[in-house]
């Protein structure tokens, strides 16, 4: 069920002001401005009015900063206790102006929005309830407030609007195929998870999010893994937050693809791959480095380099299995996975201490930072050796190398174009013919790559889009 945040202190005054301004719109000359929204499964045209910026309230349930609200536990508790207090609204304002991955830093995208509003004004109306709660345009209101603007243009939802309607309308507006700034990655995952909790089918969620069912399955799996990581990082009252994985989108996509392929063959090997890659993701290794980590990474490259000082002990390692008739025992199948999980857990807990900074005792913070640095060095060396072996095996995979070579040729082409401007040597007709050939080849490449890759990454998604625009 949707969370009911109640009504703000100025609810009565805002209802009266909204009714007054809607009446002025109805009695005025000319055609009133309207905004089209999806309300309870139907498209509704609602009137747009001006409202004082100072009298509106940020939506405490907005999906835009759902993950970031955990940035400061004290402010988060205050937000839950009284979402419309001055302290809570100021906290929401700070989150709306900050970077999703690091709320301690100002978001350049917010400053760009603020500059656009200053130079060009508000081009698109927001959306409010009659009590003055912003359903949409929370970020625009934050920018207008900083600019000292007196009014904001907003559409007004029907008087019968409930909190379930507010959540649904906000999500439908965000999913429109326009130039609206998208949710951050983690907030997108939370929105998908929320729809699943409401009992919606995966195929239905996929249609709502303008994507495919396999992509929704991937998002649900990743959200489950991240929630599990947060739980596993808990120690001494400290833990990681979902927002700490904001910048890991592409690495998590690749993890899901690799894990799914390996799991179809062997679940234990898939789990070993998952644990090792999750550890590298927590250590913030680059996507190209994480890619070298396979199911045998820990046994083949990591264990021999792992010093005893950072080697964790699996608390509940599986019992050894006796071989009948041989009077011998062997390690149970789950023991390597248990050891890998223990390593990931110790790393997660150290990372949680490092992220907490001032909230952790100085000695604990120093020990965690030292352990993370040691693990980072060990992983770096292990990945280097894994990368060498990977590149040797990769020689038989020609397609990626050919694309890389083509990119190098195009870089040389840029240099040639610059040189030709100086002496007028470019054959423009021949160059145009070559570009048409390139367009056709890219279109074919996109089609064949799409047939080979079930869940496209960022590169293939770009290729498909570029090829489609070129048609």
Protein backbone atom coordinates (compact mmCIF):
# COMPACT_ATOMS: atom_id res chain seq x y z
CA UNK A 1 0.00 0.00 0.00
CA UNK A 2 1.05 3.62 -0.57
CA UNK A 3 2.28 5.59 2.43
CA UNK A 4 -0.14 8.30 3.58
CA UNK A 5 1.81 11.40 4.59
CA UNK A 6 -1.27 13.35 5.66
CA UNK A 7 -1.78 17.03 4.82
CA UNK A 8 0.52 20.03 5.37
CA UNK A 9 -0.11 22.85 7.86
CA UNK A 10 -1.37 25.28 5.19
CA UNK A 11 -3.80 22.78 3.68
CA UNK A 12 -6.93 24.87 4.46
CA UNK A 13 -5.42 28.11 3.14
CA UNK A 14 -4.14 26.39 0.00
CA UNK A 15 -7.51 24.81 -0.78
CA UNK A 16 -9.15 28.23 -0.56
CA UNK A 17 -6.47 29.86 -2.73
CA UNK A 18 -6.65 27.06 -5.33
CA UNK A 19 -10.44 27.37 -5.55
CA UNK A 20 -10.18 31.14 -5.93
CA UNK A 21 -7.61 30.93 -8.73
CA UNK A 22 -9.47 28.15 -10.55
CA UNK A 23 -12.56 30.34 -10.46
CA UNK A 24 -10.55 33.23 -11.93
CA UNK A 25 -9.39 30.90 -14.74
CA UNK A 26 -12.99 29.87 -15.53
CA UNK A 27 -14.22 33.48 -15.53
CA UNK A 28 -11.25 34.89 -17.45
CA UNK A 29 -10.94 35.72 -21.12
CA UNK A 30 -9.25 33.41 -23.62
CA UNK A 31 -8.46 29.71 -23.56
CA UNK A 32 -7.16 28.49 -20.17
CA UNK A 33 -3.91 26.53 -20.04
CA UNK A 34 -4.35 22.84 -19.27
CA UNK A 35 -2.12 19.92 -18.39
CA UNK A 36 -2.85 16.33 -19.41
CA UNK A 37 -2.24 13.64 -16.80
CA UNK A 38 -3.16 10.00 -16.36
CA UNK A 39 -5.50 9.87 -13.36
CA UNK A 40 -6.98 6.55 -12.23
CA UNK A 41 -6.38 4.94 -15.61
CA UNK A 42 -7.85 7.76 -17.68
CA UNK A 43 -6.35 10.82 -19.33
CA UNK A 44 -7.56 14.01 -17.65
CA UNK A 45 -7.15 17.62 -18.75
CA UNK A 46 -6.67 19.80 -15.69
CA UNK A 47 -6.43 23.58 -15.42
CA UNK A 48 -3.13 25.35 -14.75
CA UNK A 49 -2.87 28.21 -12.26
CA UNK A 50 -0.16 30.25 -10.60
CA UNK A 51 0.64 29.45 -6.97
CA UNK A 52 3.03 31.14 -4.54
CA UNK A 53 6.33 29.24 -4.38
CA UNK A 54 6.53 29.80 -0.64
CA UNK A 55 3.16 28.14 0.13
CA UNK A 56 3.83 24.82 -1.57
CA UNK A 57 5.34 21.73 0.06
CA UNK A 58 7.78 19.17 -1.28
CA UNK A 59 6.32 15.71 -1.69
CA UNK A 60 7.87 13.58 1.11
CA UNK A 61 7.12 10.43 -0.93
CA UNK A 62 8.62 11.55 -4.23
CA UNK A 63 10.46 8.82 -6.11
CA UNK A 64 13.11 11.32 -7.18
CA UNK A 65 14.96 11.19 -3.84
CA UNK A 66 13.55 7.99 -2.33
CA UNK A 67 17.00 6.37 -1.91
CA UNK A 68 18.78 9.61 -0.92
CA UNK A 69 16.49 10.24 2.06
CA UNK A 70 18.61 7.74 4.05
CA UNK A 71 21.71 9.94 3.63
CA UNK A 72 21.30 11.45 7.11
CA UNK A 73 19.56 9.08 9.57
CA UNK A 74 18.61 11.89 11.98
CA UNK A 75 16.99 13.97 9.26
CA UNK A 76 15.38 10.85 7.82
CA UNK A 77 13.79 10.10 11.21
CA UNK A 78 12.55 13.69 11.45
CA UNK A 79 11.17 13.42 7.91
CA UNK A 80 9.17 10.33 8.84
CA UNK A 81 7.92 11.91 12.06
CA UNK A 82 6.84 15.25 10.53
CA UNK A 83 7.36 15.53 6.76
CA UNK A 84 6.05 19.10 6.59
CA UNK A 85 8.15 20.68 9.34
CA UNK A 86 10.63 23.36 8.35
CA UNK A 87 13.51 21.00 9.15
CA UNK A 88 12.10 18.19 6.97
CA UNK A 89 11.28 20.48 4.05
CA UNK A 90 14.79 21.99 4.21
CA UNK A 91 16.22 18.45 4.14
CA UNK A 92 14.17 17.61 1.04
CA UNK A 93 15.36 20.87 -0.56
CA UNK A 94 19.01 19.92 0.06
CA UNK A 95 18.50 16.42 -1.42
CA UNK A 96 16.79 17.82 -4.51
CA UNK A 97 19.79 20.07 -5.19
CA UNK A 98 22.45 17.42 -4.54
CA UNK A 99 24.08 14.68 -6.60
CA UNK A 100 22.18 11.37 -6.31
CA UNK A 101 25.38 9.40 -5.70
CA UNK A 102 26.78 11.87 -3.14
CA UNK A 103 24.29 14.22 -1.43
CA UNK A 104 27.17 16.15 0.11
CA UNK A 105 27.93 17.62 -3.33
CA UNK A 106 25.95 20.04 -5.46
CA UNK A 107 24.36 18.50 -8.57
CA UNK A 108 25.52 20.19 -11.83
CA UNK A 109 22.26 19.06 -13.46
CA UNK A 110 20.33 21.04 -10.87
CA UNK A 111 22.41 24.14 -11.56
CA UNK A 112 21.75 23.68 -15.29
CA UNK A 113 18.00 23.51 -14.59
CA UNK A 114 18.25 26.61 -12.43
CA UNK A 115 20.09 28.48 -15.19
CA UNK A 116 17.44 27.42 -17.73
CA UNK A 117 14.63 28.67 -15.50
CA UNK A 118 16.47 31.94 -14.96
CA UNK A 119 17.12 32.51 -18.67
CA UNK A 120 13.99 31.06 -20.26
CA UNK A 121 11.40 30.88 -17.51
CA UNK A 122 9.19 27.93 -16.65
CA UNK A 123 8.25 26.20 -19.93
CA UNK A 124 6.27 23.33 -18.43
CA UNK A 125 3.79 23.47 -15.53
CA UNK A 126 4.19 21.38 -12.41
CA UNK A 127 1.43 19.52 -10.61
CA UNK A 128 -0.01 19.88 -7.09
CA UNK A 129 -2.81 18.64 -4.89
CA UNK A 130 -5.36 21.15 -3.64
CA UNK A 131 -3.57 21.11 -0.29
CA UNK A 132 -0.39 22.44 -1.95
CA UNK A 133 1.70 19.24 -2.09
CA UNK A 134 3.92 19.06 -5.18
CA UNK A 135 3.21 15.85 -7.10
CA UNK A 136 5.59 16.87 -9.85
CA UNK A 137 8.15 19.69 -10.29
CA UNK A 138 9.70 19.32 -6.84
CA UNK A 139 13.13 20.05 -8.35
CA UNK A 140 11.80 23.02 -10.34
CA UNK A 141 10.29 24.49 -7.19
CA UNK A 142 13.65 24.12 -5.45
CA UNK A 143 15.34 26.01 -8.30
CA UNK A 144 12.66 28.72 -8.40
CA UNK A 145 12.95 29.12 -4.64
CA UNK A 146 16.71 29.71 -4.93
CA UNK A 147 16.06 32.20 -7.73
CA UNK A 148 13.66 34.13 -5.52
CA UNK A 149 10.68 33.56 -7.85
CA UNK A 150 7.31 34.44 -6.35
CA UNK A 151 5.08 32.09 -8.34
CA UNK A 152 5.13 28.72 -10.09
CA UNK A 153 2.71 27.46 -12.74
CA UNK A 154 1.01 24.23 -11.68
CA UNK A 155 -1.85 21.99 -12.70
CA UNK A 156 -4.26 21.01 -9.93
CA UNK A 157 -5.42 17.44 -9.30
CA UNK A 158 -9.08 16.70 -8.45
CA UNK A 159 -10.23 17.27 -4.87
CA UNK A 160 -10.74 13.51 -4.37
CA UNK A 161 -7.02 12.80 -4.92
CA UNK A 162 -5.53 10.33 -2.44
CA UNK A 163 -1.91 9.45 -1.65
CA UNK A 164 -2.25 6.34 -3.83
CA UNK A 165 -3.23 8.69 -6.69
CA UNK A 166 -0.27 10.97 -5.94
CA UNK A 167 2.24 8.11 -6.18
CA UNK A 168 0.65 6.75 -9.37
CA UNK A 169 0.42 10.12 -11.12
CA UNK A 170 4.00 11.06 -10.26
CA UNK A 171 5.26 7.78 -11.68
CA UNK A 172 3.18 8.09 -14.87
CA UNK A 173 4.51 11.60 -15.48
CA UNK A 174 8.09 10.49 -14.93
CA UNK A 175 7.71 7.65 -17.41
CA UNK A 176 6.52 9.86 -20.24
CA UNK A 177 8.79 9.72 -23.27
CA UNK A 178 9.95 13.32 -23.18
CA UNK A 179 12.97 15.36 -22.16
CA UNK A 180 12.22 15.11 -18.45
CA UNK A 181 15.27 14.45 -16.28
CA UNK A 182 15.04 10.73 -15.37
CA UNK A 183 15.12 9.30 -11.89
CA UNK A 184 18.51 8.31 -10.57
CA UNK A 185 19.32 4.63 -11.09
CA UNK A 186 18.53 3.46 -7.56
CA UNK A 187 15.27 5.44 -7.45
CA UNK A 188 14.29 3.78 -10.74
CA UNK A 189 14.92 0.36 -9.15
CA UNK A 190 12.84 1.35 -6.12
CA UNK A 191 10.00 2.47 -8.37
CA UNK A 192 10.06 -0.90 -10.14
CA UNK A 193 10.13 -2.71 -6.79
CA UNK A 194 7.20 -0.64 -5.55
CA UNK A 195 5.11 -1.61 -8.56
CA UNK A 196 5.93 -5.27 -7.91
CA UNK A 197 4.84 -4.89 -4.28
CA UNK A 198 1.52 -3.50 -5.51
CA UNK A 199 0.94 -6.89 -7.16
CA UNK A 200 1.47 -5.85 -10.77
CA UNK A 201 2.70 -8.44 -13.26
CA UNK A 202 6.20 -8.06 -14.70
CA UNK A 203 4.84 -7.64 -18.22
CA UNK A 204 2.52 -4.87 -17.02
CA UNK A 205 5.37 -3.09 -15.23
CA UNK A 206 7.46 -3.39 -18.41
CA UNK A 207 4.74 -1.66 -20.45
CA UNK A 208 4.47 1.12 -17.87
CA UNK A 209 8.22 1.70 -17.87
CA UNK A 210 8.47 1.49 -21.68
CA UNK A 211 10.86 -1.45 -21.50
CA UNK A 212 10.86 -5.25 -21.80
CA UNK A 213 9.93 -7.98 -19.34
CA UNK A 214 13.54 -9.35 -19.28
CA UNK A 215 14.77 -5.85 -18.39
CA UNK A 216 12.29 -5.66 -15.49
CA UNK A 217 13.40 -9.13 -14.33
CA UNK A 218 16.97 -7.85 -14.34
CA UNK A 219 16.01 -4.75 -12.34
CA UNK A 220 14.13 -6.83 -9.75
CA UNK A 221 17.12 -9.17 -9.38
CA UNK A 222 19.56 -6.28 -8.97
CA UNK A 223 17.34 -4.56 -6.40
CA UNK A 224 17.17 -7.81 -4.43
CA UNK A 225 20.95 -8.16 -4.51
CA UNK A 226 21.48 -4.57 -3.37
CA UNK A 227 19.05 -4.93 -0.49
CA UNK A 228 20.87 -8.10 0.51
CA UNK A 229 24.21 -6.27 0.39
CA UNK A 230 22.86 -3.51 2.63
CA UNK A 231 21.68 -6.12 5.14
CA UNK A 232 25.00 -7.99 5.01
CA UNK A 233 26.92 -4.75 5.64
CA UNK A 234 25.22 -4.15 9.00
CA UNK A 235 27.63 -4.19 11.96
CA UNK A 236 27.75 -2.12 15.12
CA UNK A 237 24.80 0.03 14.10
CA UNK A 238 26.40 1.02 10.78
CA UNK A 239 25.49 -0.14 7.30
CA UNK A 240 25.70 0.82 3.66
CA UNK A 241 22.73 2.43 1.92
CA UNK A 242 21.16 1.70 -1.43
CA UNK A 243 22.32 5.10 -2.65
CA UNK A 244 25.94 4.00 -2.16
CA UNK A 245 25.54 1.86 -5.31
CA UNK A 246 24.20 4.72 -7.45
CA UNK A 247 27.19 4.73 -9.83
CA UNK A 248 27.35 0.95 -10.30
CA UNK A 249 24.57 0.66 -12.90
CA UNK A 250 26.55 -0.71 -15.83
CA UNK A 251 28.65 -2.99 -13.62
CA UNK A 252 25.48 -4.46 -12.12
CA UNK A 253 24.01 -4.93 -15.60
CA UNK A 254 27.08 -6.90 -16.65
CA UNK A 255 27.00 -8.90 -13.41
CA UNK A 256 23.41 -9.94 -14.09
CA UNK A 257 24.22 -11.05 -17.64
CA UNK A 258 27.30 -13.01 -16.54
CA UNK A 259 25.54 -14.56 -13.55
CA UNK A 260 22.50 -15.62 -15.61
CA UNK A 261 24.66 -17.33 -18.23
CA UNK A 262 26.77 -19.13 -15.62
CA UNK A 263 23.79 -20.14 -13.48
CA UNK A 264 22.25 -21.95 -16.44
CA UNK A 265 25.30 -24.24 -16.34
CA UNK A 266 26.33 -24.39 -12.66
CA UNK A 267 24.79 -22.51 -9.72
CA UNK A 268 27.83 -22.77 -7.45
CA UNK A 269 30.14 -21.30 -10.09
CA UNK A 270 27.58 -18.57 -10.71
CA UNK A 271 27.52 -17.72 -7.00
CA UNK A 272 31.32 -17.60 -6.88
CA UNK A 273 31.35 -15.21 -9.82
CA UNK A 274 28.66 -13.06 -8.18
CA UNK A 275 30.44 -12.76 -4.84
CA UNK A 276 33.80 -11.89 -6.40
CA UNK A 277 32.29 -9.28 -8.71
CA UNK A 278 30.23 -7.75 -5.91
CA UNK A 279 33.41 -7.38 -3.87
CA UNK A 280 35.11 -5.61 -6.78
CA UNK A 281 32.07 -3.36 -7.25
CA UNK A 282 32.13 -2.39 -3.57
CA UNK A 283 35.84 -1.60 -3.96
CA UNK A 284 34.83 0.64 -6.88
CA UNK A 285 36.88 -1.05 -9.60
CA UNK A 286 36.16 0.06 -13.14
CA UNK A 287 33.71 -1.84 -15.31
CA UNK A 288 36.50 -3.01 -17.58
CA UNK A 289 38.33 -4.48 -14.57
CA UNK A 290 35.27 -6.17 -13.06
CA UNK A 291 34.69 -7.81 -16.45
CA UNK A 292 37.82 -9.96 -15.94
CA UNK A 293 36.36 -11.66 -12.87
CA UNK A 294 35.00 -15.14 -13.58
CA UNK A 295 33.84 -18.09 -11.46
CA UNK A 296 37.43 -19.24 -10.82
CA UNK A 297 38.71 -15.78 -9.86
CA UNK A 298 38.93 -16.39 -6.12
CA UNK A 299 40.45 -19.87 -6.30
CA UNK A 300 42.82 -19.14 -9.18
CA UNK A 301 43.94 -15.55 -8.59
CA UNK A 302 42.76 -14.19 -5.24
CA UNK A 303 43.22 -16.80 -2.50
CA UNK A 304 46.98 -17.14 -2.98
CA UNK A 305 47.40 -13.37 -2.59
CA UNK A 306 44.98 -12.85 0.30
CA UNK A 307 46.92 -12.15 3.52
CA UNK A 308 45.74 -13.66 6.80
CA UNK A 309 45.09 -10.19 8.21
CA UNK A 310 42.11 -9.71 5.89
CA UNK A 311 41.17 -13.34 5.31
CA UNK A 312 37.76 -13.82 7.00
CA UNK A 313 36.54 -17.01 8.58
CA UNK A 314 33.22 -18.32 7.30
CA UNK A 315 31.03 -18.61 10.40
CA UNK A 316 28.92 -21.48 9.18
CA UNK A 317 31.02 -23.34 6.64
CA UNK A 318 29.37 -26.55 5.40
CA UNK A 319 30.55 -29.82 6.89
CA UNK A 320 32.98 -32.01 4.99
CA UNK A 321 31.47 -34.95 3.13
CA UNK A 322 32.84 -38.48 3.69
CA UNK A 323 33.55 -40.66 0.65
CA UNK A 324 32.14 -44.13 1.36
CA UNK A 325 34.72 -46.94 1.27
CA UNK A 326 37.75 -44.63 0.99
CA UNK A 327 37.97 -43.40 4.58
CA UNK A 328 38.45 -39.88 3.23
CA UNK A 329 36.51 -36.64 3.31
CA UNK A 330 36.19 -33.83 0.81
CA UNK A 331 35.03 -30.27 1.21
CA UNK A 332 31.29 -29.83 0.67
CA UNK A 333 30.19 -28.09 -2.51
CA UNK A 334 29.04 -24.98 -0.64
CA UNK A 335 32.30 -24.32 1.22
CA UNK A 336 33.93 -22.15 -1.51
CA UNK A 337 30.77 -20.07 -1.77
CA UNK A 338 30.60 -19.68 2.02
CA UNK A 339 34.21 -18.47 2.05
CA UNK A 340 33.52 -16.06 -0.81
CA UNK A 341 30.45 -14.68 1.00
CA UNK A 342 32.46 -14.24 4.19
CA UNK A 343 35.05 -12.20 2.30
CA UNK A 344 32.35 -10.04 0.71
CA UNK A 345 30.65 -9.57 4.10
CA UNK A 346 33.86 -8.39 5.79
CA UNK A 347 34.48 -6.02 2.90
CA UNK A 348 30.91 -4.67 3.06
CA UNK A 349 31.16 -4.06 6.80
CA UNK A 350 34.49 -2.26 6.42
CA UNK A 351 33.03 -0.15 3.62
CA UNK A 352 30.05 0.74 5.83
CA UNK A 353 32.45 2.06 8.47
CA UNK A 354 34.37 4.06 5.87
CA UNK A 355 31.18 5.58 4.46
CA UNK A 356 29.98 6.48 7.97
CA UNK A 357 33.15 8.59 8.53
CA UNK A 358 32.55 10.71 11.67
CA UNK A 359 29.84 8.39 12.99
CA UNK A 360 32.42 5.62 13.54
CA UNK A 361 35.12 5.67 16.26
CA UNK A 362 38.51 6.82 14.98
CA UNK A 363 40.18 3.49 15.69
CA UNK A 364 37.43 1.56 13.92
CA UNK A 365 37.58 3.90 10.94
CA UNK A 366 41.38 3.55 10.71
CA UNK A 367 41.17 -0.26 10.87
CA UNK A 368 38.44 -0.38 8.23
CA UNK A 369 40.33 1.95 5.89
CA UNK A 370 43.51 -0.11 6.26
CA UNK A 371 41.65 -3.35 5.55
CA UNK A 372 39.96 -1.85 2.47
CA UNK A 373 43.27 -0.55 1.15
CA UNK A 374 44.88 -3.97 1.61
CA UNK A 375 41.97 -5.71 -0.09
CA UNK A 376 42.01 -3.18 -2.92
CA UNK A 377 45.72 -3.87 -3.55
CA UNK A 378 45.15 -7.64 -3.49
CA UNK A 379 42.16 -7.40 -5.86
CA UNK A 380 44.09 -5.08 -8.14
CA UNK A 381 46.96 -7.55 -8.50
CA UNK A 382 44.59 -10.52 -8.93
CA UNK A 383 42.55 -8.66 -11.57
CA UNK A 384 45.75 -7.77 -13.43
CA UNK A 385 46.66 -11.44 -13.77
CA UNK A 386 43.08 -12.41 -14.58
CA UNK A 387 43.07 -9.73 -17.27
CA UNK A 388 46.19 -11.14 -18.90
CA UNK A 389 44.62 -14.59 -19.10
CA UNK A 390 41.35 -13.08 -20.31
CA UNK A 391 43.05 -11.23 -23.14
CA UNK A 392 44.76 -14.43 -24.25
CA UNK A 393 41.41 -16.23 -24.40
CA UNK A 394 39.75 -13.26 -26.04
CA UNK A 395 41.86 -13.48 -29.18
CA UNK A 396 39.39 -15.97 -30.58
CA UNK A 397 36.59 -13.41 -30.16
CA UNK A 398 37.05 -11.18 -33.18
CA UNK A 399 33.87 -9.03 -33.15
CA UNK A 400 34.80 -6.68 -30.26
CA UNK A 401 38.31 -6.24 -31.67
CA UNK A 402 36.95 -5.32 -35.09
CA UNK A 403 34.70 -2.64 -33.57
CA UNK A 404 37.70 -1.28 -31.65
CA UNK A 405 39.76 -1.20 -34.85
CA UNK A 406 36.92 0.57 -36.67
CA UNK A 407 36.79 3.18 -33.91
CA UNK A 408 40.53 3.79 -34.32
CA UNK A 409 40.04 4.21 -38.09
CA UNK A 410 37.28 6.76 -37.45
CA UNK A 411 39.55 8.66 -35.08
CA UNK A 412 42.12 8.82 -37.87
CA UNK A 413 39.35 9.99 -40.20
CA UNK A 414 38.72 12.95 -37.89
CA UNK A 415 42.37 13.92 -38.16
CA UNK A 416 42.23 13.58 -41.96
CA UNK A 417 39.18 15.85 -42.11
CA UNK A 418 40.95 18.52 -40.10
CA UNK A 419 43.97 18.30 -42.40
CA UNK A 420 41.82 18.48 -45.54
CA UNK A 421 40.27 21.78 -44.47
CA UNK A 422 43.65 23.41 -44.81
CA UNK A 423 44.32 22.33 -48.40
CA UNK A 424 40.79 21.75 -49.72
CA UNK A 425 41.57 18.14 -50.65
CA UNK A 426 38.35 16.52 -49.42
CA UNK A 427 36.23 14.78 -52.09
CA UNK A 428 32.86 15.72 -50.57
CA UNK A 429 30.75 13.47 -52.82
CA UNK A 430 32.91 10.43 -52.10
CA UNK A 431 32.84 11.21 -48.39
CA UNK A 432 29.03 11.43 -48.43
CA UNK A 433 28.81 8.07 -50.22
CA UNK A 434 31.10 6.56 -47.59
CA UNK A 435 28.87 7.89 -44.80
CA UNK A 436 25.82 6.31 -46.41
CA UNK A 437 27.70 3.00 -46.53
CA UNK A 438 28.60 3.45 -42.84
CA UNK A 439 24.94 4.05 -41.98
CA UNK A 440 23.89 0.85 -43.73
CA UNK A 441 26.64 -1.19 -42.07
CA UNK A 442 25.71 0.22 -38.63
CA UNK A 443 22.07 -0.67 -39.21
CA UNK A 444 23.00 -4.27 -40.07
CA UNK A 445 25.41 -4.43 -37.13
CA UNK A 446 22.64 -3.27 -34.78
CA UNK A 447 20.24 -5.90 -36.10
CA UNK A 448 22.70 -8.80 -35.78
CA UNK A 449 23.98 -7.68 -32.38
CA UNK A 450 20.39 -7.42 -31.17
CA UNK A 451 19.80 -11.04 -32.19
CA UNK A 452 22.91 -12.16 -30.28
CA UNK A 453 22.45 -10.16 -27.06
CA UNK A 454 19.24 -10.60 -25.06
CA UNK A 455 19.74 -7.66 -22.68
CA UNK A 456 21.60 -4.84 -24.47
CA UNK A 457 24.11 -2.74 -22.58
CA UNK A 458 24.66 0.98 -22.99
CA UNK A 459 26.72 0.53 -26.16
CA UNK A 460 24.21 -1.61 -28.06
CA UNK A 461 21.36 0.63 -26.90
CA UNK A 462 23.20 3.59 -28.44
CA UNK A 463 23.87 1.68 -31.67
CA UNK A 464 20.21 0.78 -32.06
CA UNK A 465 19.16 4.38 -31.41
CA UNK A 466 21.75 5.79 -33.83
CA UNK A 467 20.82 3.29 -36.53
CA UNK A 468 17.12 4.04 -36.08
CA UNK A 469 17.68 7.79 -36.37
CA UNK A 470 19.69 7.23 -39.54
CA UNK A 471 16.86 5.44 -41.34
